[in-house]
Each structure stands twice: as C-alpha cells, then as structure tokens.
C-alpha cells in the first residue's frame, strides 16, 4: 500500500469515527402528578384553568409549557449553582445597561445578559438581544409536558370564609391526576461551542479567555454543564399551587437515547396504560425505525409505580437494535463482492458491539448517568468507558 492509499484509508477511518459519534441526546420521560394545577392558563370568572389542548380524537389533554419547565430547571440551577459549580445569568430589566456588552446598550426588553461563556443558562437555553445584535438558538430543546390521558373535568371547590359576616369568597381550581410525558433534545455538539453571532458585542476579554481554552478544558466544561442540567432534571421540582396542592414533578420513567443524527427516536412512543403498565410495542417500534442512528440506550423505570419486566425489556431492545444490524449485513452480502462483504462484516460486528443498551431500576440509571465515570464526550465504545 503506497502513501496516498494509506492517507486515504486514514481519512476514511476518521470519517467513520465521526459518523459514530453521538450528536444529540434524546430524553423521553414520564411524571406522575396528583390533584395538581402546575401551569395555569388563566381564569374564567372565579375558575383558574389548566392549560389544555384538543387532540384529533376530540379529547382535551392537559399540558405544561416548555417555558414553565425550563423555568423550573433554571431555578434549580440557581439554587444548586455553588454545588454544581455553575453560574446563571442575571436578568436585566427594560432599559438596564448590559454589563456583559463591550458597549453600553440598554435593551428594550426583559432579558438575560447573553453571555454563554460564563453562564450555563445562556449556553443551554439561548437568548435574543436585538439591540446588541446577539442571539443564540437553544441547543437544549423541550416540549414541556403533556398528559397521556384526557382531562376529566375535575375541579377543586374553594372558599375563603368571611369571619365577620357571610360575604365569603368562592374560588375554583381545575386540577388533574395523571401521568405526563415530556421530551428533551440536547444538541451535544453545540454545548459550550459558539459562533461570532452568538458572541457579537460581548466583552473582548471574555471572548479571548474562551478562545485560549484547550480542547480538554472545553470538554471538561461541557461535561460539567450537561451533568448540572441532568442533576436538575432527575431531581426536578417546580410548578404553581405547590403550597396547597403539593405534588412531585420528578421523572418516574426515563429513556435516554444517544443518536448520530439530530432527531427524535421515541417522542410520543413512551406510554403507559390505565393499569400503569408500560406499553412496549410503540417504544420498540421507535427504536427499530431509528436503529441505524442509535448508539446507546439507557432506560430507568420506577417499577413500584410502572409495571414491566426490566430484564425482558432490555433483551427485547437488544434484539430489535442488534437484529437490525444483522439484516443490514445480509443486504450487504447480496449486493457487494466477497472482499467488501468481509470488510463490512467486520464493520457491522464492531457497530453491533458498540451499541449499548441498559435497562434498570430508575435509581441505578440515575446513579450511573450522574456518576463521574459517565462521559458524554468520551471517545470509545460507550459513554461509561
């Protein structure tokens, strides 16, 4: 093999390795809430309404906006900032000078400072500062939460008694007992990575400090920020009316899928029935449809609430994902010569070995994902190596 052939082969290996890297992390999860109104839509008369959307089946489903859920996360990041070693951006009032801009600019809206280098929330959730000409599209995206079951019309009837007479104040509150599904998509290749538009008009010393950072230093900061986000996610607590209608908002089922391409493999395929049994068929179908782009799958389930056989589910997912690789190999055998068949067989075997599927109790998955040994940007077989 001559030098040019060697160079070509090396370039090919690099490109193959790039294609196997996970560009995004999809998270689908379920939350169990009891007699809650976590994100009201407004009022009609003396009734505080839930946010609802009508589906094509004619039923109304309760939802919690993505803005609300991101607010819960941001508040937790502020609360745990010292422990997680991250900082959140100050919020500027209308007309207030932005201390992070190199020129004194008064923004005409309520906004963050737009400094993703120093502040984790500006990095993960983006910003828009029209006067400074600086904006960032969020690499962390969510749809909030939506109920798996239709709203049944439950209303809490409340009254504030007048101690001096009979002029009592009546108030009513729509409430819901349900299971919500939520989704996140994290663009791994954009965390702590910025272009000129995102840093426009930012102080030069801040930009220079960022440019001087080595790749290992950047990777360390990326790991820290994603771990901080997921620490808040696994311990999520927030929402309105918690003082009198206290409920949990933490995940009870979590599916994390590492993908080579930016898309959703699971989305609405994570479901349970009214008997709290996991519906495996749609979940398996979603993983099968996107098997070529899936690198790793981690599923944690609180089996005290959701009924399923963890080991059986893990084996079924392995069968689906690795079965797709075998089918792919058969197609290659039918269409390519013997030399190529041999090479592709080895490659397919390697790809199959690299697919990591872990299904376990929710506590064990949470402990694994948040451990120091779990790396989101580590080269090699899996995130846990």
Protein backbone atom coordinates (compact mmCIF):
# COMPACT_ATOMS: atom_id res chain seq x y z
CA UNK A 1 0.00 0.00 0.00
CA UNK A 2 1.52 3.33 -1.06
CA UNK A 3 1.44 6.63 0.90
CA UNK A 4 -1.57 8.02 -0.92
CA UNK A 5 -3.59 4.86 -0.26
CA UNK A 6 -2.55 4.99 3.41
CA UNK A 7 -3.67 8.62 3.68
CA UNK A 8 -6.97 7.81 2.01
CA UNK A 9 -7.56 4.90 4.35
CA UNK A 10 -6.76 7.04 7.41
CA UNK A 11 -9.14 9.76 6.23
CA UNK A 12 -11.84 7.15 5.77
CA UNK A 13 -11.29 5.87 9.33
CA UNK A 14 -11.58 9.39 10.70
CA UNK A 15 -14.84 9.98 8.83
CA UNK A 16 -16.22 6.63 10.02
CA UNK A 17 -15.34 7.51 13.61
CA UNK A 18 -17.03 10.92 13.24
CA UNK A 19 -20.20 9.29 11.92
CA UNK A 20 -20.37 7.07 15.01
CA UNK A 21 -20.18 9.96 17.47
CA UNK A 22 -23.40 10.96 19.18
CA UNK A 23 -24.51 14.40 18.03
CA UNK A 24 -27.57 14.54 20.22
CA UNK A 25 -29.20 13.07 23.29
CA UNK A 26 -32.94 12.49 23.27
CA UNK A 27 -34.70 12.20 26.62
CA UNK A 28 -38.29 10.99 26.95
CA UNK A 29 -39.75 10.72 30.43
CA UNK A 30 -42.93 10.25 32.46
CA UNK A 31 -44.04 12.22 35.53
CA UNK A 32 -46.83 11.25 37.93
CA UNK A 33 -48.79 14.14 39.45
CA UNK A 34 -51.75 14.19 41.87
CA UNK A 35 -54.56 16.81 42.05
CA UNK A 36 -52.33 19.47 40.55
CA UNK A 37 -52.52 22.69 38.58
CA UNK A 38 -48.84 23.32 37.89
CA UNK A 39 -49.16 25.75 34.99
CA UNK A 40 -52.46 27.64 34.76
CA UNK A 41 -53.86 29.03 31.54
CA UNK A 42 -55.70 31.95 33.15
CA UNK A 43 -59.10 32.45 34.74
CA UNK A 44 -62.74 32.40 33.66
CA UNK A 45 -64.86 34.02 36.34
CA UNK A 46 -63.61 32.52 39.59
CA UNK A 47 -62.15 29.37 37.98
CA UNK A 48 -58.41 29.02 37.44
CA UNK A 49 -57.99 26.95 34.30
CA UNK A 50 -55.45 24.32 33.35
CA UNK A 51 -53.57 24.65 30.07
CA UNK A 52 -55.26 22.26 27.65
CA UNK A 53 -55.08 21.30 24.01
CA UNK A 54 -57.69 19.40 21.97
CA UNK A 55 -56.39 16.38 20.07
CA UNK A 56 -57.80 14.88 16.86
CA UNK A 57 -59.74 12.35 18.97
CA UNK A 58 -61.81 15.26 20.32
CA UNK A 59 -60.47 14.94 23.88
CA UNK A 60 -58.68 17.66 25.81
CA UNK A 61 -55.21 16.93 27.19
CA UNK A 62 -53.54 18.95 29.91
CA UNK A 63 -50.11 20.37 29.15
CA UNK A 64 -47.35 22.32 30.88
CA UNK A 65 -45.47 24.71 28.65
CA UNK A 66 -41.82 24.27 27.74
CA UNK A 67 -41.20 27.77 29.09
CA UNK A 68 -42.52 26.69 32.51
CA UNK A 69 -40.41 23.53 32.67
CA UNK A 70 -37.28 25.44 31.61
CA UNK A 71 -38.04 27.98 34.34
CA UNK A 72 -38.12 25.15 36.91
CA UNK A 73 -34.74 23.94 35.65
CA UNK A 74 -33.26 27.45 35.73
CA UNK A 75 -34.45 28.00 39.29
CA UNK A 76 -32.83 24.71 40.34
CA UNK A 77 -29.60 25.67 38.59
CA UNK A 78 -29.58 28.92 40.57
CA UNK A 79 -30.29 27.07 43.81
CA UNK A 80 -27.66 24.38 43.23
CA UNK A 81 -25.19 26.60 41.36
CA UNK A 82 -22.48 26.56 44.02
CA UNK A 83 -22.72 22.80 44.47
CA UNK A 84 -22.71 22.17 40.70
CA UNK A 85 -20.03 24.84 40.08
CA UNK A 86 -22.09 26.73 37.52
CA UNK A 87 -23.47 30.28 37.33
CA UNK A 88 -26.72 31.62 35.93
CA UNK A 89 -27.08 34.92 34.13
CA UNK A 90 -28.54 37.97 35.89
CA UNK A 91 -31.88 39.07 34.44
CA UNK A 92 -31.94 42.65 33.16
CA UNK A 93 -34.98 44.93 33.37
CA UNK A 94 -36.10 47.03 30.41
CA UNK A 95 -33.69 49.90 29.85
CA UNK A 96 -30.98 48.49 32.13
CA UNK A 97 -27.36 48.55 30.93
CA UNK A 98 -25.98 45.14 29.96
CA UNK A 99 -22.74 44.66 31.94
CA UNK A 100 -21.57 41.89 29.58
CA UNK A 101 -21.59 44.00 26.40
CA UNK A 102 -18.47 45.93 25.38
CA UNK A 103 -20.65 48.94 24.53
CA UNK A 104 -23.26 50.39 26.86
CA UNK A 105 -26.54 49.19 25.39
CA UNK A 106 -29.92 49.44 27.03
CA UNK A 107 -32.09 46.52 25.93
CA UNK A 108 -35.76 47.35 25.46
CA UNK A 109 -36.95 44.00 26.84
CA UNK A 110 -36.50 41.82 29.92
CA UNK A 111 -33.55 39.60 29.07
CA UNK A 112 -30.51 37.74 30.31
CA UNK A 113 -27.06 39.21 29.69
CA UNK A 114 -26.41 36.89 26.74
CA UNK A 115 -23.05 35.56 27.94
CA UNK A 116 -22.97 31.80 27.23
CA UNK A 117 -19.28 31.56 28.11
CA UNK A 118 -19.80 32.46 31.76
CA UNK A 119 -23.44 31.49 32.32
CA UNK A 120 -24.84 28.00 31.88
CA UNK A 121 -28.44 29.09 31.22
CA UNK A 122 -27.37 31.37 28.34
CA UNK A 123 -25.44 28.44 26.87
CA UNK A 124 -28.15 25.77 27.23
CA UNK A 125 -31.33 27.79 26.68
CA UNK A 126 -30.16 30.56 24.36
CA UNK A 127 -31.04 34.27 24.25
CA UNK A 128 -32.05 37.11 21.95
CA UNK A 129 -30.63 40.61 22.41
CA UNK A 130 -31.75 42.64 19.37
CA UNK A 131 -30.06 45.88 20.42
CA UNK A 132 -26.70 44.18 20.91
CA UNK A 133 -27.18 42.07 17.78
CA UNK A 134 -26.50 38.92 19.77
CA UNK A 135 -28.59 35.75 19.75
CA UNK A 136 -28.25 32.03 20.34
CA UNK A 137 -30.73 29.31 19.39
CA UNK A 138 -31.03 26.94 22.33
CA UNK A 139 -29.14 23.65 21.96
CA UNK A 140 -31.41 22.24 24.69
CA UNK A 141 -34.99 21.94 23.45
CA UNK A 142 -38.17 20.72 25.15
CA UNK A 143 -41.90 20.42 24.56
CA UNK A 144 -42.73 20.78 28.27
CA UNK A 145 -45.16 18.09 29.47
CA UNK A 146 -48.44 16.70 28.14
CA UNK A 147 -50.86 14.30 29.80
CA UNK A 148 -51.17 10.76 28.50
CA UNK A 149 -54.86 10.65 29.46
CA UNK A 150 -57.70 13.09 28.66
CA UNK A 151 -58.81 15.75 31.13
CA UNK A 152 -61.88 14.51 33.04
CA UNK A 153 -63.18 17.85 34.32
CA UNK A 154 -62.08 17.69 37.97
CA UNK A 155 -62.43 20.98 39.86
CA UNK A 156 -61.40 21.83 43.40
CA UNK A 157 -64.09 24.00 45.06
CA UNK A 158 -62.54 26.51 47.42
CA UNK A 159 -63.85 29.17 49.75
CA UNK A 160 -62.32 31.94 51.86
CA UNK A 161 -64.63 32.46 54.82
CA UNK A 162 -65.53 35.93 55.98
CA UNK A 163 -65.09 35.79 59.79
CA UNK A 164 -67.29 38.86 60.31
CA UNK A 165 -70.20 38.01 58.08
CA UNK A 166 -71.43 35.88 55.19
CA UNK A 167 -69.63 37.61 52.36
CA UNK A 168 -67.49 34.52 51.63
CA UNK A 169 -65.14 34.45 48.66
CA UNK A 170 -65.56 31.44 46.39
CA UNK A 171 -62.73 30.24 44.16
CA UNK A 172 -62.43 27.16 41.99
CA UNK A 173 -59.39 25.44 40.55
CA UNK A 174 -59.18 22.93 37.70
CA UNK A 175 -56.97 20.05 38.85
CA UNK A 176 -55.68 16.85 37.32
CA UNK A 177 -54.50 13.41 38.44
CA UNK A 178 -52.49 12.00 35.57
CA UNK A 179 -49.20 10.92 34.07
CA UNK A 180 -47.38 13.48 31.95
CA UNK A 181 -44.88 12.75 29.18
CA UNK A 182 -42.05 15.16 28.47
CA UNK A 183 -39.27 15.31 25.87
CA UNK A 184 -35.87 16.93 25.63
CA UNK A 185 -33.36 17.06 22.79
CA UNK A 186 -29.80 18.07 23.68
CA UNK A 187 -27.50 19.01 20.80
CA UNK A 188 -24.29 17.63 22.27
CA UNK A 189 -22.09 19.14 19.57
CA UNK A 190 -23.30 22.68 20.40
CA UNK A 191 -22.87 22.74 24.18
CA UNK A 192 -20.13 25.28 25.04
CA UNK A 193 -19.48 25.88 21.32
CA UNK A 194 -20.18 29.36 19.93
CA UNK A 195 -20.05 31.29 16.66
CA UNK A 196 -19.42 35.01 16.11
CA UNK A 197 -23.11 35.96 16.01
CA UNK A 198 -23.64 34.35 19.42
CA UNK A 199 -20.74 36.35 20.89
CA UNK A 200 -21.30 39.61 18.98
CA UNK A 201 -20.63 42.73 21.07
CA UNK A 202 -19.56 40.62 24.07
CA UNK A 203 -16.61 41.93 26.08
CA UNK A 204 -13.32 41.14 24.34
CA UNK A 205 -11.58 39.77 27.44
CA UNK A 206 -14.39 37.22 27.89
CA UNK A 207 -14.10 36.09 24.27
CA UNK A 208 -10.30 35.91 24.47
CA UNK A 209 -10.43 33.72 27.60
CA UNK A 210 -12.74 31.33 25.77
CA UNK A 211 -10.51 31.18 22.66
CA UNK A 212 -7.47 30.34 24.80
CA UNK A 213 -9.11 27.25 26.29
CA UNK A 214 -7.70 23.91 25.14
CA UNK A 215 -9.92 21.13 23.82
CA UNK A 216 -9.59 19.12 27.08
CA UNK A 217 -10.64 22.22 29.05
CA UNK A 218 -13.65 22.74 26.78
CA UNK A 219 -14.62 19.08 27.07
CA UNK A 220 -14.43 19.29 30.87
CA UNK A 221 -16.76 22.32 30.87
CA UNK A 222 -19.20 20.57 28.52
CA UNK A 223 -19.35 17.54 30.80
CA UNK A 224 -19.93 19.75 33.83
CA UNK A 225 -22.78 21.66 32.20
CA UNK A 226 -24.64 18.60 30.95
CA UNK A 227 -24.23 16.88 34.33
CA UNK A 228 -25.60 20.02 36.01
CA UNK A 229 -28.61 20.03 33.68
CA UNK A 230 -29.33 16.33 34.25
CA UNK A 231 -28.88 16.66 38.02
CA UNK A 232 -31.71 19.20 37.96
CA UNK A 233 -33.72 17.03 35.58
CA UNK A 234 -33.53 13.87 37.70
CA UNK A 235 -34.48 15.88 40.81
CA UNK A 236 -36.97 18.17 39.09
CA UNK A 237 -39.32 20.11 41.36
CA UNK A 238 -41.43 23.09 40.42
CA UNK A 239 -44.80 24.40 39.38
CA UNK A 240 -47.60 26.64 40.65
CA UNK A 241 -50.02 25.98 43.54
CA UNK A 242 -47.49 23.78 45.36
CA UNK A 243 -48.25 25.41 48.73
CA UNK A 244 -51.74 23.83 48.90
CA UNK A 245 -51.58 21.24 46.10
CA UNK A 246 -48.16 19.72 46.71
CA UNK A 247 -47.11 17.11 44.17
CA UNK A 248 -43.98 15.52 42.77
CA UNK A 249 -42.64 16.56 39.37
CA UNK A 250 -39.59 14.29 39.21
CA UNK A 251 -39.33 11.65 36.45
CA UNK A 252 -40.61 8.13 37.19
CA UNK A 253 -39.59 6.68 33.81
CA UNK A 254 -36.59 7.99 31.86
CA UNK A 255 -35.37 6.97 28.38
CA UNK A 256 -32.06 8.40 27.19
CA UNK A 257 -31.07 7.72 23.58
CA UNK A 258 -27.72 8.80 22.10
CA UNK A 259 -28.08 9.43 18.35
CA UNK A 260 -25.69 10.07 15.47
CA UNK A 261 -28.21 12.47 13.93
CA UNK A 262 -30.37 15.19 15.47
CA UNK A 263 -33.88 13.77 15.64
CA UNK A 264 -36.38 12.10 17.98
CA UNK A 265 -36.48 8.31 18.03
CA UNK A 266 -39.01 7.93 20.86
CA UNK A 267 -41.05 11.16 21.26
CA UNK A 268 -44.70 10.11 21.88
CA UNK A 269 -43.92 6.37 21.79
CA UNK A 270 -43.27 6.33 25.54
CA UNK A 271 -46.65 5.39 27.02
CA UNK A 272 -48.37 3.53 29.84
CA UNK A 273 -51.94 2.27 30.02
CA UNK A 274 -54.51 2.98 32.75
CA UNK A 275 -53.20 -0.01 34.73
CA UNK A 276 -49.76 1.65 34.94
CA UNK A 277 -48.28 -0.95 32.58
CA UNK A 278 -45.57 0.14 30.16
CA UNK A 279 -46.65 -0.17 26.51
CA UNK A 280 -43.57 -1.76 24.99
CA UNK A 281 -44.66 -2.12 21.36
CA UNK A 282 -44.55 1.58 20.35
CA UNK A 283 -41.25 2.05 22.22
CA UNK A 284 -39.65 -0.91 20.45
CA UNK A 285 -41.03 0.25 17.09
CA UNK A 286 -39.46 3.69 17.53
CA UNK A 287 -36.07 2.20 18.39
CA UNK A 288 -36.31 -0.17 15.43
CA UNK A 289 -37.16 2.63 12.98
CA UNK A 290 -34.10 4.63 14.05
CA UNK A 291 -31.75 1.73 14.81
CA UNK A 292 -29.12 2.85 12.26
CA UNK A 293 -28.65 6.17 14.07
CA UNK A 294 -28.77 4.90 17.65
CA UNK A 295 -25.51 4.45 19.56
CA UNK A 296 -26.74 3.86 23.09
CA UNK A 297 -29.97 3.47 25.06
CA UNK A 298 -30.43 3.86 28.82
CA UNK A 299 -33.85 3.30 30.38
CA UNK A 300 -34.68 3.74 34.06
CA UNK A 301 -38.09 2.76 35.44
CA UNK A 302 -39.62 3.15 38.89
CA UNK A 303 -41.13 -0.33 39.00
CA UNK A 304 -43.03 0.46 42.20
CA UNK A 305 -45.25 2.66 40.00
CA UNK A 306 -44.86 1.40 36.43
CA UNK A 307 -45.26 -2.32 35.81
CA UNK A 308 -42.83 -4.03 33.45
CA UNK A 309 -40.17 -6.75 33.39
CA UNK A 310 -36.87 -4.84 33.19
CA UNK A 311 -34.72 -7.76 32.03
CA UNK A 312 -37.20 -8.84 29.39
CA UNK A 313 -37.48 -5.27 28.09
CA UNK A 314 -33.69 -4.97 27.87
CA UNK A 315 -33.45 -8.21 25.90
CA UNK A 316 -36.23 -7.12 23.54
CA UNK A 317 -34.47 -3.80 22.85
CA UNK A 318 -31.17 -5.61 22.24
CA UNK A 319 -32.93 -7.97 19.86
CA UNK A 320 -34.52 -5.07 17.95
CA UNK A 321 -31.38 -2.93 17.66
CA UNK A 322 -28.87 -5.67 17.01
CA UNK A 323 -31.31 -7.54 14.78
CA UNK A 324 -31.38 -4.50 12.50
CA UNK A 325 -27.59 -4.66 12.21
CA UNK A 326 -27.80 -8.31 11.15
CA UNK A 327 -30.41 -7.51 8.48
CA UNK A 328 -28.20 -4.74 7.21
CA UNK A 329 -25.31 -7.18 6.89
CA UNK A 330 -27.46 -9.62 4.89
CA UNK A 331 -28.32 -6.87 2.40
CA UNK A 332 -24.63 -6.03 2.03
CA UNK A 333 -23.82 -9.67 1.31
CA UNK A 334 -26.34 -9.76 -1.51
CA UNK A 335 -25.09 -6.62 -3.22
CA UNK A 336 -21.30 -6.50 -2.80
CA UNK A 337 -18.29 -8.60 -3.78
CA UNK A 338 -16.58 -11.05 -1.43
CA UNK A 339 -13.81 -8.67 -0.39
CA UNK A 340 -16.26 -5.92 0.51
CA UNK A 341 -18.50 -8.44 2.25
CA UNK A 342 -15.67 -9.46 4.54
CA UNK A 343 -14.81 -5.85 5.40
CA UNK A 344 -18.41 -4.86 6.01
CA UNK A 345 -18.96 -7.92 8.15
CA UNK A 346 -16.20 -6.80 10.45
CA UNK A 347 -17.53 -3.24 10.48
CA UNK A 348 -21.08 -4.37 11.21
CA UNK A 349 -19.84 -6.58 14.03
CA UNK A 350 -17.98 -3.64 15.53
CA UNK A 351 -21.04 -1.38 15.23
CA UNK A 352 -23.18 -4.05 16.87
CA UNK A 353 -20.74 -4.38 19.75
CA UNK A 354 -20.74 -0.59 20.18
CA UNK A 355 -24.49 -0.39 20.74
CA UNK A 356 -25.02 -0.17 24.48
CA UNK A 357 -28.44 -0.95 25.92
CA UNK A 358 -29.07 -0.69 29.66
CA UNK A 359 -32.49 -1.10 31.29
CA UNK A 360 -32.58 -0.92 35.06
CA UNK A 361 -34.28 0.47 38.12
CA UNK A 362 -34.60 4.26 37.93
CA UNK A 363 -32.28 4.78 40.90
CA UNK A 364 -29.49 2.76 39.26
CA UNK A 365 -29.79 4.62 35.95
CA UNK A 366 -29.80 7.98 37.73
CA UNK A 367 -26.70 6.98 39.71
CA UNK A 368 -24.95 5.81 36.53
CA UNK A 369 -25.73 8.90 34.41
CA UNK A 370 -24.71 11.36 37.14
CA UNK A 371 -21.55 9.47 38.13
CA UNK A 372 -18.09 10.89 37.38
CA UNK A 373 -17.29 7.84 35.25
CA UNK A 374 -20.13 8.52 32.78
CA UNK A 375 -18.79 10.74 29.99
CA UNK A 376 -20.91 12.39 27.32
CA UNK A 377 -17.94 13.25 25.10
CA UNK A 378 -15.62 10.30 25.68
CA UNK A 379 -14.18 8.58 22.63
CA UNK A 380 -14.62 4.84 22.56
CA UNK A 381 -17.23 2.14 22.85
CA UNK A 382 -19.68 3.70 25.26
CA UNK A 383 -20.33 6.68 27.46
CA UNK A 384 -19.39 4.66 30.55
CA UNK A 385 -15.92 3.56 29.42
